Full PDB file with SEQRES, HELIX, SHEET, SSBOND, CRYST1, ORIGX, SCALE, CONECT and MASTER records, all heavy atoms in Angstrom:
SEQRES   1 A   33  HIS SER ALA LEU LEU TYR THR ALA LEU LEU PHE GLY ALA          
SEQRES   2 A   33  ASN ALA ALA PHE ALA GLY PRO VAL ASP TRP GLN ALA ALA          
SEQRES   3 A   33  LYS ASP ALA GLY LEU VAL LYS                                  
HELIX    1 AA1 SER A    2  ALA A   13  1                                  12    
HELIX    2 AA2 ALA A   15  PHE A   17  5                                   3    
HELIX    3 AA3 TRP A   23  ASP A   28  1                                   6    
CRYST1    1.000    1.000    1.000  90.00  90.00  90.00 P 1           1          
ORIGX1      1.000000  0.000000  0.000000        0.00000                         
ORIGX2      0.000000  1.000000  0.000000        0.00000                         
ORIGX3      0.000000  0.000000  1.000000        0.00000                         
SCALE1      1.000000  0.000000  0.000000        0.00000                         
SCALE2      0.000000  1.000000  0.000000        0.00000                         
SCALE3      0.000000  0.000000  1.000000        0.00000                         
ATOM      1  N   HIS A   1       0.843  -1.204   0.000  1.00  0.00           N  
ATOM      2  CA  HIS A   1       0.000   0.000   0.000  1.00  0.00           C  
ATOM      3  C   HIS A   1       0.874   1.248   0.000  1.00  0.00           C  
ATOM      4  O   HIS A   1       0.645   2.181  -0.765  1.00  0.00           O  
ATOM      5  CB  HIS A   1      -0.906  -0.035   1.228  1.00  0.00           C  
ATOM      6  CG  HIS A   1      -1.959   1.027   1.247  1.00  0.00           C  
ATOM      7  ND1 HIS A   1      -1.653   2.360   1.304  1.00  0.00           N  
ATOM      8  CD2 HIS A   1      -3.308   0.954   1.222  1.00  0.00           C  
ATOM      9  CE1 HIS A   1      -2.762   3.061   1.312  1.00  0.00           C  
ATOM     10  NE2 HIS A   1      -3.786   2.226   1.266  1.00  0.00           N  
ATOM     11  N   SER A   2       1.918   1.269   0.860  1.00  0.00           N  
ATOM     12  CA  SER A   2       2.819   2.427   0.919  1.00  0.00           C  
ATOM     13  C   SER A   2       3.581   2.603  -0.381  1.00  0.00           C  
ATOM     14  O   SER A   2       3.757   3.724  -0.858  1.00  0.00           O  
ATOM     15  CB  SER A   2       3.822   2.267   2.068  1.00  0.00           C  
ATOM     16  OG  SER A   2       3.142   2.343   3.294  1.00  0.00           O  
ATOM     17  N   ALA A   3       4.045   1.512  -0.959  1.00  0.00           N  
ATOM     18  CA  ALA A   3       4.776   1.596  -2.225  1.00  0.00           C  
ATOM     19  C   ALA A   3       3.887   2.169  -3.319  1.00  0.00           C  
ATOM     20  O   ALA A   3       4.327   2.995  -4.128  1.00  0.00           O  
ATOM     21  CB  ALA A   3       5.303   0.223  -2.626  1.00  0.00           C  
ATOM     22  N   LEU A   4       2.635   1.749  -3.347  1.00  0.00           N  
ATOM     23  CA  LEU A   4       1.712   2.276  -4.352  1.00  0.00           C  
ATOM     24  C   LEU A   4       1.458   3.766  -4.146  1.00  0.00           C  
ATOM     25  O   LEU A   4       1.390   4.534  -5.115  1.00  0.00           O  
ATOM     26  CB  LEU A   4       0.384   1.504  -4.320  1.00  0.00           C  
ATOM     27  CG  LEU A   4       0.442   0.064  -4.820  1.00  0.00           C  
ATOM     28  CD1 LEU A   4      -0.884  -0.638  -4.548  1.00  0.00           C  
ATOM     29  CD2 LEU A   4       0.789   0.022  -6.292  1.00  0.00           C  
ATOM     30  N   LEU A   5       1.331   4.187  -2.887  1.00  0.00           N  
ATOM     31  CA  LEU A   5       1.103   5.608  -2.614  1.00  0.00           C  
ATOM     32  C   LEU A   5       2.299   6.454  -3.028  1.00  0.00           C  
ATOM     33  O   LEU A   5       2.143   7.505  -3.649  1.00  0.00           O  
ATOM     34  CB  LEU A   5       0.795   5.823  -1.130  1.00  0.00           C  
ATOM     35  CG  LEU A   5      -0.577   5.357  -0.690  1.00  0.00           C  
ATOM     36  CD1 LEU A   5      -0.701   5.426   0.818  1.00  0.00           C  
ATOM     37  CD2 LEU A   5      -1.650   6.186  -1.341  1.00  0.00           C  
ATOM     38  N   TYR A   6       3.519   5.986  -2.697  1.00  0.00           N  
ATOM     39  CA  TYR A   6       4.705   6.745  -3.100  1.00  0.00           C  
ATOM     40  C   TYR A   6       4.829   6.804  -4.616  1.00  0.00           C  
ATOM     41  O   TYR A   6       5.178   7.833  -5.177  1.00  0.00           O  
ATOM     42  CB  TYR A   6       5.977   6.153  -2.495  1.00  0.00           C  
ATOM     43  CG  TYR A   6       6.181   6.569  -1.063  1.00  0.00           C  
ATOM     44  CD1 TYR A   6       6.096   5.658  -0.024  1.00  0.00           C  
ATOM     45  CD2 TYR A   6       6.448   7.898  -0.751  1.00  0.00           C  
ATOM     46  CE1 TYR A   6       6.269   6.052   1.284  1.00  0.00           C  
ATOM     47  CE2 TYR A   6       6.615   8.297   0.561  1.00  0.00           C  
ATOM     48  CZ  TYR A   6       6.529   7.374   1.568  1.00  0.00           C  
ATOM     49  OH  TYR A   6       6.694   7.760   2.861  1.00  0.00           O  
ATOM     50  N   THR A   7       4.513   5.707  -5.282  1.00  0.00           N  
ATOM     51  CA  THR A   7       4.547   5.698  -6.747  1.00  0.00           C  
ATOM     52  C   THR A   7       3.543   6.693  -7.300  1.00  0.00           C  
ATOM     53  O   THR A   7       3.858   7.463  -8.207  1.00  0.00           O  
ATOM     54  CB  THR A   7       4.245   4.280  -7.281  1.00  0.00           C  
ATOM     55  OG1 THR A   7       5.227   3.386  -6.737  1.00  0.00           O  
ATOM     56  CG2 THR A   7       4.300   4.245  -8.801  1.00  0.00           C  
ATOM     57  N   ALA A   8       2.344   6.727  -6.732  1.00  0.00           N  
ATOM     58  CA  ALA A   8       1.323   7.676  -7.188  1.00  0.00           C  
ATOM     59  C   ALA A   8       1.784   9.114  -6.958  1.00  0.00           C  
ATOM     60  O   ALA A   8       1.602   9.979  -7.810  1.00  0.00           O  
ATOM     61  CB  ALA A   8      -0.005   7.426  -6.463  1.00  0.00           C  
ATOM     62  N   LEU A   9       2.403   9.352  -5.817  1.00  0.00           N  
ATOM     63  CA  LEU A   9       2.911  10.693  -5.545  1.00  0.00           C  
ATOM     64  C   LEU A   9       4.009  11.078  -6.532  1.00  0.00           C  
ATOM     65  O   LEU A   9       4.040  12.189  -7.036  1.00  0.00           O  
ATOM     66  CB  LEU A   9       3.459  10.778  -4.118  1.00  0.00           C  
ATOM     67  CG  LEU A   9       2.426  10.948  -3.024  1.00  0.00           C  
ATOM     68  CD1 LEU A   9       3.067  10.735  -1.660  1.00  0.00           C  
ATOM     69  CD2 LEU A   9       1.777  12.308  -3.095  1.00  0.00           C  
ATOM     70  N   LEU A  10       4.911  10.145  -6.822  1.00  0.00           N  
ATOM     71  CA  LEU A  10       5.992  10.449  -7.751  1.00  0.00           C  
ATOM     72  C   LEU A  10       5.459  10.735  -9.151  1.00  0.00           C  
ATOM     73  O   LEU A  10       5.869  11.682  -9.807  1.00  0.00           O  
ATOM     74  CB  LEU A  10       6.995   9.295  -7.795  1.00  0.00           C  
ATOM     75  CG  LEU A  10       7.861   9.152  -6.542  1.00  0.00           C  
ATOM     76  CD1 LEU A  10       8.659   7.863  -6.597  1.00  0.00           C  
ATOM     77  CD2 LEU A  10       8.772  10.340  -6.368  1.00  0.00           C  
ATOM     78  N   PHE A  11       4.537   9.913  -9.619  1.00  0.00           N  
ATOM     79  CA  PHE A  11       3.976  10.160 -10.950  1.00  0.00           C  
ATOM     80  C   PHE A  11       3.155  11.438 -10.955  1.00  0.00           C  
ATOM     81  O   PHE A  11       3.181  12.188 -11.918  1.00  0.00           O  
ATOM     82  CB  PHE A  11       3.117   8.980 -11.426  1.00  0.00           C  
ATOM     83  CG  PHE A  11       3.941   7.855 -11.967  1.00  0.00           C  
ATOM     84  CD1 PHE A  11       3.826   6.588 -11.429  1.00  0.00           C  
ATOM     85  CD2 PHE A  11       4.829   8.066 -13.006  1.00  0.00           C  
ATOM     86  CE1 PHE A  11       4.584   5.547 -11.924  1.00  0.00           C  
ATOM     87  CE2 PHE A  11       5.594   7.031 -13.498  1.00  0.00           C  
ATOM     88  CZ  PHE A  11       5.477   5.762 -12.958  1.00  0.00           C  
ATOM     89  N   GLY A  12       2.448  11.707  -9.864  1.00  0.00           N  
ATOM     90  CA  GLY A  12       1.660  12.934  -9.779  1.00  0.00           C  
ATOM     91  C   GLY A  12       2.540  14.167  -9.780  1.00  0.00           C  
ATOM     92  O   GLY A  12       2.138  15.227 -10.205  1.00  0.00           O  
ATOM     93  N   ALA A  13       3.784  14.005  -9.332  1.00  0.00           N  
ATOM     94  CA  ALA A  13       4.706  15.133  -9.299  1.00  0.00           C  
ATOM     95  C   ALA A  13       5.480  15.287 -10.601  1.00  0.00           C  
ATOM     96  O   ALA A  13       6.151  16.273 -10.809  1.00  0.00           O  
ATOM     97  CB  ALA A  13       5.690  14.946  -8.142  1.00  0.00           C  
ATOM     98  N   ASN A  14       5.399  14.323 -11.480  1.00  0.00           N  
ATOM     99  CA  ASN A  14       6.099  14.372 -12.758  1.00  0.00           C  
ATOM    100  C   ASN A  14       5.378  15.333 -13.685  1.00  0.00           C  
ATOM    101  O   ASN A  14       4.171  15.266 -13.857  1.00  0.00           O  
ATOM    102  CB  ASN A  14       6.133  12.955 -13.342  1.00  0.00           C  
ATOM    103  CG  ASN A  14       6.979  12.878 -14.585  1.00  0.00           C  
ATOM    104  OD1 ASN A  14       6.924  13.748 -15.443  1.00  0.00           O  
ATOM    105  ND2 ASN A  14       7.757  11.813 -14.676  1.00  0.00           N  
ATOM    106  N   ALA A  15       6.113  16.220 -14.327  1.00  0.00           N  
ATOM    107  CA  ALA A  15       5.501  17.225 -15.201  1.00  0.00           C  
ATOM    108  C   ALA A  15       4.702  16.585 -16.325  1.00  0.00           C  
ATOM    109  O   ALA A  15       3.708  17.147 -16.782  1.00  0.00           O  
ATOM    110  CB  ALA A  15       6.581  18.143 -15.773  1.00  0.00           C  
ATOM    111  N   ALA A  16       5.090  15.405 -16.759  1.00  0.00           N  
ATOM    112  CA  ALA A  16       4.365  14.744 -17.842  1.00  0.00           C  
ATOM    113  C   ALA A  16       2.975  14.318 -17.392  1.00  0.00           C  
ATOM    114  O   ALA A  16       2.092  14.090 -18.211  1.00  0.00           O  
ATOM    115  CB  ALA A  16       5.152  13.531 -18.328  1.00  0.00           C  
ATOM    116  N   PHE A  17       2.791  14.189 -16.092  1.00  0.00           N  
ATOM    117  CA  PHE A  17       1.503  13.776 -15.545  1.00  0.00           C  
ATOM    118  C   PHE A  17       0.866  14.900 -14.730  1.00  0.00           C  
ATOM    119  O   PHE A  17       0.073  14.658 -13.833  1.00  0.00           O  
ATOM    120  CB  PHE A  17       1.680  12.547 -14.636  1.00  0.00           C  
ATOM    121  CG  PHE A  17       2.235  11.358 -15.353  1.00  0.00           C  
ATOM    122  CD1 PHE A  17       3.598  11.087 -15.323  1.00  0.00           C  
ATOM    123  CD2 PHE A  17       1.415  10.529 -16.079  1.00  0.00           C  
ATOM    124  CE1 PHE A  17       4.117   9.996 -15.975  1.00  0.00           C  
ATOM    125  CE2 PHE A  17       1.937   9.435 -16.742  1.00  0.00           C  
ATOM    126  CZ  PHE A  17       3.293   9.167 -16.693  1.00  0.00           C  
ATOM    127  N   ALA A  18       1.243  16.129 -15.024  1.00  0.00           N  
ATOM    128  CA  ALA A  18       0.810  17.264 -14.212  1.00  0.00           C  
ATOM    129  C   ALA A  18      -0.701  17.381 -14.145  1.00  0.00           C  
ATOM    130  O   ALA A  18      -1.410  17.111 -15.096  1.00  0.00           O  
ATOM    131  CB  ALA A  18       1.401  18.563 -14.760  1.00  0.00           C  
ATOM    132  N   GLY A  19      -1.172  17.790 -13.012  1.00  0.00           N  
ATOM    133  CA  GLY A  19      -2.588  17.996 -12.781  1.00  0.00           C  
ATOM    134  C   GLY A  19      -2.728  18.626 -11.415  1.00  0.00           C  
ATOM    135  O   GLY A  19      -1.761  19.108 -10.842  1.00  0.00           O  
ATOM    136  N   PRO A  20      -3.909  18.601 -10.864  1.00  0.00           N  
ATOM    137  CA  PRO A  20      -4.082  19.172  -9.529  1.00  0.00           C  
ATOM    138  C   PRO A  20      -3.326  18.353  -8.482  1.00  0.00           C  
ATOM    139  O   PRO A  20      -2.990  17.202  -8.713  1.00  0.00           O  
ATOM    140  CB  PRO A  20      -5.595  19.096  -9.315  1.00  0.00           C  
ATOM    141  CG  PRO A  20      -6.086  18.079 -10.276  1.00  0.00           C  
ATOM    142  CD  PRO A  20      -5.123  18.060 -11.423  1.00  0.00           C  
ATOM    143  N   VAL A  21      -3.084  18.966  -7.351  1.00  0.00           N  
ATOM    144  CA  VAL A  21      -2.381  18.285  -6.270  1.00  0.00           C  
ATOM    145  C   VAL A  21      -3.253  17.155  -5.748  1.00  0.00           C  
ATOM    146  O   VAL A  21      -4.449  17.332  -5.513  1.00  0.00           O  
ATOM    147  CB  VAL A  21      -2.042  19.275  -5.140  1.00  0.00           C  
ATOM    148  CG1 VAL A  21      -1.416  18.558  -3.956  1.00  0.00           C  
ATOM    149  CG2 VAL A  21      -1.114  20.362  -5.655  1.00  0.00           C  
ATOM    150  N   ASP A  22      -2.650  16.009  -5.539  1.00  0.00           N  
ATOM    151  CA  ASP A  22      -3.351  14.859  -4.972  1.00  0.00           C  
ATOM    152  C   ASP A  22      -3.200  14.916  -3.452  1.00  0.00           C  
ATOM    153  O   ASP A  22      -2.309  14.300  -2.877  1.00  0.00           O  
ATOM    154  CB  ASP A  22      -2.791  13.560  -5.542  1.00  0.00           C  
ATOM    155  CG  ASP A  22      -3.613  12.354  -5.156  1.00  0.00           C  
ATOM    156  OD1 ASP A  22      -4.449  12.455  -4.221  1.00  0.00           O  
ATOM    157  OD2 ASP A  22      -3.440  11.300  -5.792  1.00  0.00           O  
ATOM    158  N   TRP A  23      -4.052  15.708  -2.829  1.00  0.00           N  
ATOM    159  CA  TRP A  23      -3.972  15.921  -1.381  1.00  0.00           C  
ATOM    160  C   TRP A  23      -4.168  14.621  -0.611  1.00  0.00           C  
ATOM    161  O   TRP A  23      -3.489  14.392   0.391  1.00  0.00           O  
ATOM    162  CB  TRP A  23      -5.006  16.952  -0.934  1.00  0.00           C  
ATOM    163  CG  TRP A  23      -4.851  18.285  -1.577  1.00  0.00           C  
ATOM    164  CD1 TRP A  23      -5.705  18.870  -2.472  1.00  0.00           C  
ATOM    165  CD2 TRP A  23      -3.787  19.222  -1.410  1.00  0.00           C  
ATOM    166  NE1 TRP A  23      -5.231  20.104  -2.863  1.00  0.00           N  
ATOM    167  CE2 TRP A  23      -4.059  20.349  -2.220  1.00  0.00           C  
ATOM    168  CE3 TRP A  23      -2.623  19.214  -0.651  1.00  0.00           C  
ATOM    169  CZ2 TRP A  23      -3.207  21.447  -2.291  1.00  0.00           C  
ATOM    170  CZ3 TRP A  23      -1.776  20.315  -0.716  1.00  0.00           C  
ATOM    171  CH2 TRP A  23      -2.075  21.410  -1.527  1.00  0.00           C  
ATOM    172  N   GLN A  24      -5.086  13.783  -1.059  1.00  0.00           N  
ATOM    173  CA  GLN A  24      -5.349  12.540  -0.344  1.00  0.00           C  
ATOM    174  C   GLN A  24      -4.136  11.618  -0.373  1.00  0.00           C  
ATOM    175  O   GLN A  24      -3.796  11.000   0.625  1.00  0.00           O  
ATOM    176  CB  GLN A  24      -6.581  11.818  -0.904  1.00  0.00           C  
ATOM    177  CG  GLN A  24      -7.043  10.660  -0.037  1.00  0.00           C  
ATOM    178  CD  GLN A  24      -7.361  11.077   1.397  1.00  0.00           C  
ATOM    179  OE1 GLN A  24      -8.120  12.009   1.614  1.00  0.00           O  
ATOM    180  NE2 GLN A  24      -6.782  10.411   2.383  1.00  0.00           N  
ATOM    181  N   ALA A  25      -3.464  11.535  -1.504  1.00  0.00           N  
ATOM    182  CA  ALA A  25      -2.253  10.707  -1.582  1.00  0.00           C  
ATOM    183  C   ALA A  25      -1.193  11.238  -0.629  1.00  0.00           C  
ATOM    184  O   ALA A  25      -0.502  10.452   0.029  1.00  0.00           O  
ATOM    185  CB  ALA A  25      -1.728  10.664  -3.011  1.00  0.00           C  
ATOM    186  N   ALA A  26      -1.067  12.554  -0.530  1.00  0.00           N  
ATOM    187  CA  ALA A  26      -0.095  13.151   0.390  1.00  0.00           C  
ATOM    188  C   ALA A  26      -0.438  12.795   1.836  1.00  0.00           C  
ATOM    189  O   ALA A  26       0.446  12.430   2.617  1.00  0.00           O  
ATOM    190  CB  ALA A  26      -0.052  14.663   0.205  1.00  0.00           C  
ATOM    191  N   LYS A  27      -1.710  12.873   2.182  1.00  0.00           N  
ATOM    192  CA  LYS A  27      -2.136  12.522   3.541  1.00  0.00           C  
ATOM    193  C   LYS A  27      -1.896  11.045   3.810  1.00  0.00           C  
ATOM    194  O   LYS A  27      -1.366  10.668   4.856  1.00  0.00           O  
ATOM    195  CB  LYS A  27      -3.611  12.866   3.740  1.00  0.00           C  
ATOM    196  CG  LYS A  27      -3.863  14.364   3.823  1.00  0.00           C  
ATOM    197  CD  LYS A  27      -5.320  14.672   3.968  1.00  0.00           C  
ATOM    198  CE  LYS A  27      -5.634  14.599   5.435  1.00  0.00           C  
ATOM    199  NZ  LYS A  27      -6.867  15.279   5.819  1.00  0.00           N  
ATOM    200  N   ASP A  28      -2.264  10.207   2.850  1.00  0.00           N  
ATOM    201  CA  ASP A  28      -2.095   8.764   3.012  1.00  0.00           C  
ATOM    202  C   ASP A  28      -0.628   8.368   3.131  1.00  0.00           C  
ATOM    203  O   ASP A  28      -0.296   7.381   3.783  1.00  0.00           O  
ATOM    204  CB  ASP A  28      -2.739   8.007   1.847  1.00  0.00           C  
ATOM    205  CG  ASP A  28      -4.256   8.116   1.834  1.00  0.00           C  
ATOM    206  OD1 ASP A  28      -4.855   8.517   2.855  1.00  0.00           O  
ATOM    207  OD2 ASP A  28      -4.848   7.810   0.776  1.00  0.00           O  
ATOM    208  N   ALA A  29       0.250   9.139   2.492  1.00  0.00           N  
ATOM    209  CA  ALA A  29       1.680   8.827   2.496  1.00  0.00           C  
ATOM    210  C   ALA A  29       2.425   9.423   3.691  1.00  0.00           C  
ATOM    211  O   ALA A  29       3.623   9.242   3.807  1.00  0.00           O  
ATOM    212  CB  ALA A  29       2.312   9.314   1.193  1.00  0.00           C  
ATOM    213  N   GLY A  30       1.741  10.149   4.562  1.00  0.00           N  
ATOM    214  CA  GLY A  30       2.407  10.617   5.766  1.00  0.00           C  
ATOM    215  C   GLY A  30       2.090  12.026   6.215  1.00  0.00           C  
ATOM    216  O   GLY A  30       2.339  12.368   7.362  1.00  0.00           O  
ATOM    217  N   LEU A  31       1.576  12.872   5.343  1.00  0.00           N  
ATOM    218  CA  LEU A  31       1.223  14.240   5.753  1.00  0.00           C  
ATOM    219  C   LEU A  31      -0.226  14.252   6.242  1.00  0.00           C  
ATOM    220  O   LEU A  31      -1.085  14.936   5.693  1.00  0.00           O  
ATOM    221  CB  LEU A  31       1.410  15.220   4.591  1.00  0.00           C  
ATOM    222  CG  LEU A  31       2.842  15.523   4.200  1.00  0.00           C  
ATOM    223  CD1 LEU A  31       2.893  16.398   2.960  1.00  0.00           C  
ATOM    224  CD2 LEU A  31       3.604  16.178   5.342  1.00  0.00           C  
ATOM    225  N   VAL A  32      -0.476  13.491   7.303  1.00  0.00           N  
ATOM    226  CA  VAL A  32      -1.848  13.269   7.765  1.00  0.00           C  
ATOM    227  C   VAL A  32      -2.539  14.534   8.265  1.00  0.00           C  
ATOM    228  O   VAL A  32      -3.761  14.628   8.228  1.00  0.00           O  
ATOM    229  CB  VAL A  32      -1.906  12.168   8.854  1.00  0.00           C  
ATOM    230  CG1 VAL A  32      -1.491  10.827   8.286  1.00  0.00           C  
ATOM    231  CG2 VAL A  32      -1.042  12.526  10.047  1.00  0.00           C  
ATOM    232  N   LYS A  33      -1.757  15.523   8.714  1.00  0.00           N  
ATOM    233  CA  LYS A  33      -2.353  16.752   9.244  1.00  0.00           C  
ATOM    234  C   LYS A  33      -2.534  17.836   8.177  1.00  0.00           C  
ATOM    235  O   LYS A  33      -3.007  18.920   8.480  1.00  0.00           O  
ATOM    236  CB  LYS A  33      -1.513  17.288  10.394  1.00  0.00           C  
ATOM    237  CG  LYS A  33      -1.445  16.322  11.593  1.00  0.00           C  
ATOM    238  CD  LYS A  33      -0.676  16.904  12.746  1.00  0.00           C  
ATOM    239  CE  LYS A  33       0.785  16.601  12.609  1.00  0.00           C  
ATOM    240  NZ  LYS A  33       1.599  17.074  13.733  1.00  0.00           N  
TER     241      LYS A  33                                                      
MASTER        0    0    0    3    0    0    0    6  240    1    0    3          
END                                                                             
């Protein structure tokens, strides 16, 4: 689950996959607050 979240965050941060910020992925990956 953690590996998938980090992968999603990395792809979401890649300019080729740019879009809105994935706030839920950030929270799920450790920025819970």
